[in-house]
């Protein structure tokens, strides 16, 4: 019986050695896994994210026009048309022929917008009247210098979608 016990012990030892060698061999075959840090994950996520600016958001939302926004758009467009039609020769004609007149500035805070009409479809039949004040420096032909104000009334209207301005100048 002892020989039987001895062969069982030898078999158990050989099996244990084979199992240990298998574990060591298989352990060397497992690839190394690298776990990314939180910073690596954040950088990868943020690399694909673009943050739009306010104007891109407004265009994407496609907000409907309001009465206030249509009025502001008409003001901006009318100012641009009035600036295009502004004729400095008309301002010079308000003073003497030999006087040298120089435009100094516009009093933007004194602009007055009167009589708004946005039209039925916000394009045709629009009308706005703008009162503007300009400061001019005048040097008379006898050498006297003074500052004066020129008042400009700009009537802007559209019949076919195009804004047209009619300006009048006075002291």
C-alpha atoms as a PDB file:
ATOM      1  CA  UNK A   1       0.000   0.000   0.000  1.00  0.00           C
ATOM      2  CA  UNK A   2       2.887   2.173   0.552  1.00  0.00           C
ATOM      3  CA  UNK A   3       3.899   1.882  -3.067  1.00  0.00           C
ATOM      4  CA  UNK A   4       0.431   2.937  -4.061  1.00  0.00           C
ATOM      5  CA  UNK A   5       0.576   5.952  -1.706  1.00  0.00           C
ATOM      6  CA  UNK A   6       4.016   6.867  -2.992  1.00  0.00           C
ATOM      7  CA  UNK A   7       2.883   6.822  -6.644  1.00  0.00           C
ATOM      8  CA  UNK A   8      -0.145   9.003  -5.771  1.00  0.00           C
ATOM      9  CA  UNK A   9       2.124  11.544  -4.058  1.00  0.00           C
ATOM     10  CA  UNK A  10       4.513  11.602  -7.034  1.00  0.00           C
ATOM     11  CA  UNK A  11       1.546  12.049  -9.431  1.00  0.00           C
ATOM     12  CA  UNK A  12       0.166  14.937  -7.339  1.00  0.00           C
ATOM     13  CA  UNK A  13       3.597  16.634  -7.259  1.00  0.00           C
ATOM     14  CA  UNK A  14       4.040  16.243 -11.040  1.00  0.00           C
ATOM     15  CA  UNK A  15       0.530  17.634 -11.670  1.00  0.00           C
ATOM     16  CA  UNK A  16       1.226  20.603  -9.357  1.00  0.00           C
ATOM     17  CA  UNK A  17       4.479  21.356 -11.220  1.00  0.00           C
ATOM     18  CA  UNK A  18       2.734  21.123 -14.635  1.00  0.00           C
ATOM     19  CA  UNK A  19      -0.058  23.454 -13.432  1.00  0.00           C
ATOM     20  CA  UNK A  20       2.468  25.978 -12.040  1.00  0.00           C
ATOM     21  CA  UNK A  21       4.447  25.917 -15.302  1.00  0.00           C
ATOM     22  CA  UNK A  22       1.190  26.426 -17.276  1.00  0.00           C
ATOM     23  CA  UNK A  23       0.237  29.399 -15.100  1.00  0.00           C
ATOM     24  CA  UNK A  24       3.673  30.991 -15.546  1.00  0.00           C
ATOM     25  CA  UNK A  25       3.564  30.402 -19.301  1.00  0.00           C
ATOM     26  CA  UNK A  26       0.039  31.767 -19.722  1.00  0.00           C
ATOM     27  CA  UNK A  27       0.856  34.735 -17.471  1.00  0.00           C
ATOM     28  CA  UNK A  28       3.617  35.794 -19.800  1.00  0.00           C
ATOM     29  CA  UNK A  29       1.216  35.690 -22.780  1.00  0.00           C
ATOM     30  CA  UNK A  30      -1.278  38.267 -21.315  1.00  0.00           C
ATOM     31  CA  UNK A  31      -0.762  41.681 -22.926  1.00  0.00           C
ATOM     32  CA  UNK A  32      -0.267  44.764 -20.745  1.00  0.00           C
ATOM     33  CA  UNK A  33      -3.294  47.015 -20.491  1.00  0.00           C
ATOM     34  CA  UNK A  34      -2.779  50.748 -20.041  1.00  0.00           C
ATOM     35  CA  UNK A  35      -5.633  52.569 -18.390  1.00  0.00           C
ATOM     36  CA  UNK A  36      -5.997  56.203 -19.581  1.00  0.00           C
ATOM     37  CA  UNK A  37      -5.972  58.970 -17.008  1.00  0.00           C
ATOM     38  CA  UNK A  38      -8.889  61.341 -16.511  1.00  0.00           C
ATOM     39  CA  UNK A  39      -6.931  64.093 -18.277  1.00  0.00           C
ATOM     40  CA  UNK A  40      -6.413  61.838 -21.327  1.00  0.00           C
ATOM     41  CA  UNK A  41     -10.132  61.089 -21.470  1.00  0.00           C
ATOM     42  CA  UNK A  42     -11.042  64.790 -21.110  1.00  0.00           C
ATOM     43  CA  UNK A  43      -8.607  65.811 -23.867  1.00  0.00           C
ATOM     44  CA  UNK A  44      -9.993  63.162 -26.202  1.00  0.00           C
ATOM     45  CA  UNK A  45     -13.580  64.277 -25.575  1.00  0.00           C
ATOM     46  CA  UNK A  46     -12.850  67.988 -25.905  1.00  0.00           C
ATOM     47  CA  UNK A  47     -10.810  67.522 -29.090  1.00  0.00           C
ATOM     48  CA  UNK A  48     -14.000  66.828 -31.030  1.00  0.00           C
ATOM     49  CA  UNK A  49     -16.123  69.542 -29.396  1.00  0.00           C
ATOM     50  CA  UNK A  50     -16.506  72.971 -30.983  1.00  0.00           C
ATOM     51  CA  UNK A  51     -18.394  75.723 -29.219  1.00  0.00           C
ATOM     52  CA  UNK A  52     -20.346  77.988 -31.606  1.00  0.00           C
ATOM     53  CA  UNK A  53     -20.494  81.764 -31.114  1.00  0.00           C
ATOM     54  CA  UNK A  54     -23.713  83.667 -30.435  1.00  0.00           C
ATOM     55  CA  UNK A  55     -24.413  84.609 -34.055  1.00  0.00           C
ATOM     56  CA  UNK A  56     -24.111  80.980 -35.199  1.00  0.00           C
ATOM     57  CA  UNK A  57     -26.545  79.943 -32.467  1.00  0.00           C
ATOM     58  CA  UNK A  58     -29.011  82.655 -33.486  1.00  0.00           C
ATOM     59  CA  UNK A  59     -28.847  81.543 -37.131  1.00  0.00           C
ATOM     60  CA  UNK A  60     -29.288  77.898 -36.172  1.00  0.00           C
ATOM     61  CA  UNK A  61     -32.304  78.612 -34.006  1.00  0.00           C
ATOM     62  CA  UNK A  62     -33.975  80.589 -36.811  1.00  0.00           C
ATOM     63  CA  UNK A  63     -35.900  82.815 -34.454  1.00  0.00           C
ATOM     64  CA  UNK A  64     -38.877  84.622 -35.919  1.00  0.00           C
ATOM     65  CA  UNK A  65     -38.593  88.349 -36.470  1.00  0.00           C
ATOM     66  CA  UNK A  66     -40.185  90.536 -33.846  1.00  0.00           C
ATOM     67  CA  UNK A  67     -41.473  94.062 -34.275  1.00  0.00           C
ATOM     68  CA  UNK A  68     -38.512  95.367 -32.278  1.00  0.00           C
ATOM     69  CA  UNK A  69     -35.923  93.478 -34.356  1.00  0.00           C
ATOM     70  CA  UNK A  70     -37.554  94.649 -37.600  1.00  0.00           C
ATOM     71  CA  UNK A  71     -37.459  98.254 -36.349  1.00  0.00           C
ATOM     72  CA  UNK A  72     -33.771  97.954 -35.428  1.00  0.00           C
ATOM     73  CA  UNK A  73     -32.976  96.429 -38.827  1.00  0.00           C
ATOM     74  CA  UNK A  74     -34.825  99.264 -40.561  1.00  0.00           C
ATOM     75  CA  UNK A  75     -32.900 101.833 -38.487  1.00  0.00           C
ATOM     76  CA  UNK A  76     -29.534 100.302 -39.442  1.00  0.00           C
ATOM     77  CA  UNK A  77     -30.435 100.026 -43.117  1.00  0.00           C
ATOM     78  CA  UNK A  78     -31.806 103.586 -43.182  1.00  0.00           C
ATOM     79  CA  UNK A  79     -28.667 105.023 -41.556  1.00  0.00           C
ATOM     80  CA  UNK A  80     -26.533 103.270 -44.184  1.00  0.00           C
ATOM     81  CA  UNK A  81     -28.684 104.656 -47.016  1.00  0.00           C
ATOM     82  CA  UNK A  82     -28.581 108.161 -45.494  1.00  0.00           C
ATOM     83  CA  UNK A  83     -24.800 107.970 -45.166  1.00  0.00           C
ATOM     84  CA  UNK A  84     -24.525 106.959 -48.829  1.00  0.00           C
ATOM     85  CA  UNK A  85     -26.728 109.878 -49.921  1.00  0.00           C
ATOM     86  CA  UNK A  86     -25.068 112.469 -47.644  1.00  0.00           C
ATOM     87  CA  UNK A  87     -23.645 115.256 -49.823  1.00  0.00           C
ATOM     88  CA  UNK A  88     -21.127 117.557 -48.153  1.00  0.00           C
ATOM     89  CA  UNK A  89     -21.486 120.075 -50.996  1.00  0.00           C
ATOM     90  CA  UNK A  90     -25.042 120.698 -49.751  1.00  0.00           C
ATOM     91  CA  UNK A  91     -23.649 121.485 -46.291  1.00  0.00           C
ATOM     92  CA  UNK A  92     -21.080 123.900 -47.755  1.00  0.00           C
ATOM     93  CA  UNK A  93     -23.857 125.658 -49.690  1.00  0.00           C
ATOM     94  CA  UNK A  94     -25.499 126.613 -46.369  1.00  0.00           C
ATOM     95  CA  UNK A  95     -22.516 128.898 -45.636  1.00  0.00           C
ATOM     96  CA  UNK A  96     -20.791 131.608 -47.683  1.00  0.00           C
ATOM     97  CA  UNK A  97     -19.186 130.689 -50.974  1.00  0.00           C
ATOM     98  CA  UNK A  98     -15.647 131.451 -49.831  1.00  0.00           C
ATOM     99  CA  UNK A  99     -16.011 129.914 -46.363  1.00  0.00           C
ATOM    100  CA  UNK A 100     -14.070 126.749 -45.637  1.00  0.00           C
ATOM    101  CA  UNK A 101     -16.334 124.189 -43.930  1.00  0.00           C
ATOM    102  CA  UNK A 102     -15.038 121.038 -42.242  1.00  0.00           C
ATOM    103  CA  UNK A 103     -17.232 118.270 -40.858  1.00  0.00           C
ATOM    104  CA  UNK A 104     -16.174 117.670 -37.249  1.00  0.00           C
ATOM    105  CA  UNK A 105     -18.543 114.970 -36.001  1.00  0.00           C
ATOM    106  CA  UNK A 106     -22.087 113.674 -35.854  1.00  0.00           C
ATOM    107  CA  UNK A 107     -23.975 113.830 -32.596  1.00  0.00           C
ATOM    108  CA  UNK A 108     -25.042 110.189 -32.603  1.00  0.00           C
ATOM    109  CA  UNK A 109     -26.840 110.588 -29.273  1.00  0.00           C
ATOM    110  CA  UNK A 110     -29.059 113.277 -30.850  1.00  0.00           C
ATOM    111  CA  UNK A 111     -30.402 111.080 -33.647  1.00  0.00           C
ATOM    112  CA  UNK A 112     -34.165 111.029 -33.663  1.00  0.00           C
ATOM    113  CA  UNK A 113     -36.194 108.348 -35.432  1.00  0.00           C
ATOM    114  CA  UNK A 114     -39.765 109.330 -36.254  1.00  0.00           C
ATOM    115  CA  UNK A 115     -42.646 107.799 -38.182  1.00  0.00           C
ATOM    116  CA  UNK A 116     -41.966 104.112 -38.547  1.00  0.00           C
ATOM    117  CA  UNK A 117     -43.813 102.090 -41.114  1.00  0.00           C
ATOM    118  CA  UNK A 118     -42.587  98.550 -41.616  1.00  0.00           C
ATOM    119  CA  UNK A 119     -44.965  97.738 -44.474  1.00  0.00           C
ATOM    120  CA  UNK A 120     -47.132  94.717 -44.905  1.00  0.00           C
ATOM    121  CA  UNK A 121     -44.377  92.249 -45.785  1.00  0.00           C
ATOM    122  CA  UNK A 122     -41.508  94.074 -43.998  1.00  0.00           C
ATOM    123  CA  UNK A 123     -39.910  94.877 -47.376  1.00  0.00           C
ATOM    124  CA  UNK A 124     -42.298  97.041 -49.424  1.00  0.00           C
ATOM    125  CA  UNK A 125     -43.876 100.286 -48.239  1.00  0.00           C
ATOM    126  CA  UNK A 126     -41.359 100.905 -45.471  1.00  0.00           C
ATOM    127  CA  UNK A 127     -40.850 104.460 -44.271  1.00  0.00           C
ATOM    128  CA  UNK A 128     -38.744 106.160 -41.614  1.00  0.00           C
ATOM    129  CA  UNK A 129     -37.678 109.733 -40.948  1.00  0.00           C
ATOM    130  CA  UNK A 130     -34.355 110.385 -39.218  1.00  0.00           C
ATOM    131  CA  UNK A 131     -33.220 113.700 -37.772  1.00  0.00           C
ATOM    132  CA  UNK A 132     -29.434 113.992 -37.465  1.00  0.00           C
ATOM    133  CA  UNK A 133     -27.158 116.720 -36.120  1.00  0.00           C
ATOM    134  CA  UNK A 134     -23.630 117.364 -37.410  1.00  0.00           C
ATOM    135  CA  UNK A 135     -20.975 119.665 -35.974  1.00  0.00           C
ATOM    136  CA  UNK A 136     -18.981 121.659 -38.513  1.00  0.00           C
ATOM    137  CA  UNK A 137     -16.017 123.997 -38.170  1.00  0.00           C
ATOM    138  CA  UNK A 138     -16.300 127.091 -40.354  1.00  0.00           C
ATOM    139  CA  UNK A 139     -13.429 129.363 -41.342  1.00  0.00           C
ATOM    140  CA  UNK A 140     -14.683 132.467 -43.079  1.00  0.00           C
ATOM    141  CA  UNK A 141     -12.719 134.101 -45.864  1.00  0.00           C
ATOM    142  CA  UNK A 142     -11.801 136.991 -43.512  1.00  0.00           C
ATOM    143  CA  UNK A 143     -10.092 134.558 -41.086  1.00  0.00           C
ATOM    144  CA  UNK A 144     -12.849 134.260 -38.444  1.00  0.00           C
ATOM    145  CA  UNK A 145     -13.438 130.731 -37.177  1.00  0.00           C
ATOM    146  CA  UNK A 146     -16.478 129.290 -35.440  1.00  0.00           C
ATOM    147  CA  UNK A 147     -18.346 126.021 -34.921  1.00  0.00           C
ATOM    148  CA  UNK A 148     -21.912 125.495 -36.018  1.00  0.00           C
ATOM    149  CA  UNK A 149     -24.463 122.729 -36.251  1.00  0.00           C
ATOM    150  CA  UNK A 150     -26.101 121.436 -39.386  1.00  0.00           C
ATOM    151  CA  UNK A 151     -29.419 119.633 -39.066  1.00  0.00           C
ATOM    152  CA  UNK A 152     -30.214 116.958 -41.609  1.00  0.00           C
ATOM    153  CA  UNK A 153     -33.605 115.385 -42.131  1.00  0.00           C
ATOM    154  CA  UNK A 154     -33.416 112.070 -43.937  1.00  0.00           C
ATOM    155  CA  UNK A 155     -36.632 110.543 -45.236  1.00  0.00           C
ATOM    156  CA  UNK A 156     -36.134 106.913 -46.205  1.00  0.00           C
ATOM    157  CA  UNK A 157     -38.783 104.882 -48.000  1.00  0.00           C
ATOM    158  CA  UNK A 158     -39.126 101.825 -50.177  1.00  0.00           C
ATOM    159  CA  UNK A 159     -41.691 100.904 -52.764  1.00  0.00           C
ATOM    160  CA  UNK A 160     -40.110  97.832 -54.311  1.00  0.00           C
ATOM    161  CA  UNK A 161     -37.854  96.638 -51.480  1.00  0.00           C
ATOM    162  CA  UNK A 162     -35.014  99.087 -52.231  1.00  0.00           C
ATOM    163  CA  UNK A 163     -34.579 101.839 -49.656  1.00  0.00           C
ATOM    164  CA  UNK A 164     -34.206 105.333 -51.099  1.00  0.00           C
ATOM    165  CA  UNK A 165     -33.257 108.457 -49.134  1.00  0.00           C
ATOM    166  CA  UNK A 166     -34.233 112.085 -49.547  1.00  0.00           C
ATOM    167  CA  UNK A 167     -32.109 114.497 -47.473  1.00  0.00           C
ATOM    168  CA  UNK A 168     -32.746 118.111 -46.512  1.00  0.00           C
ATOM    169  CA  UNK A 169     -30.126 120.304 -44.837  1.00  0.00           C
ATOM    170  CA  UNK A 170     -30.639 123.370 -42.637  1.00  0.00           C
ATOM    171  CA  UNK A 171     -28.868 125.415 -39.962  1.00  0.00           C
END
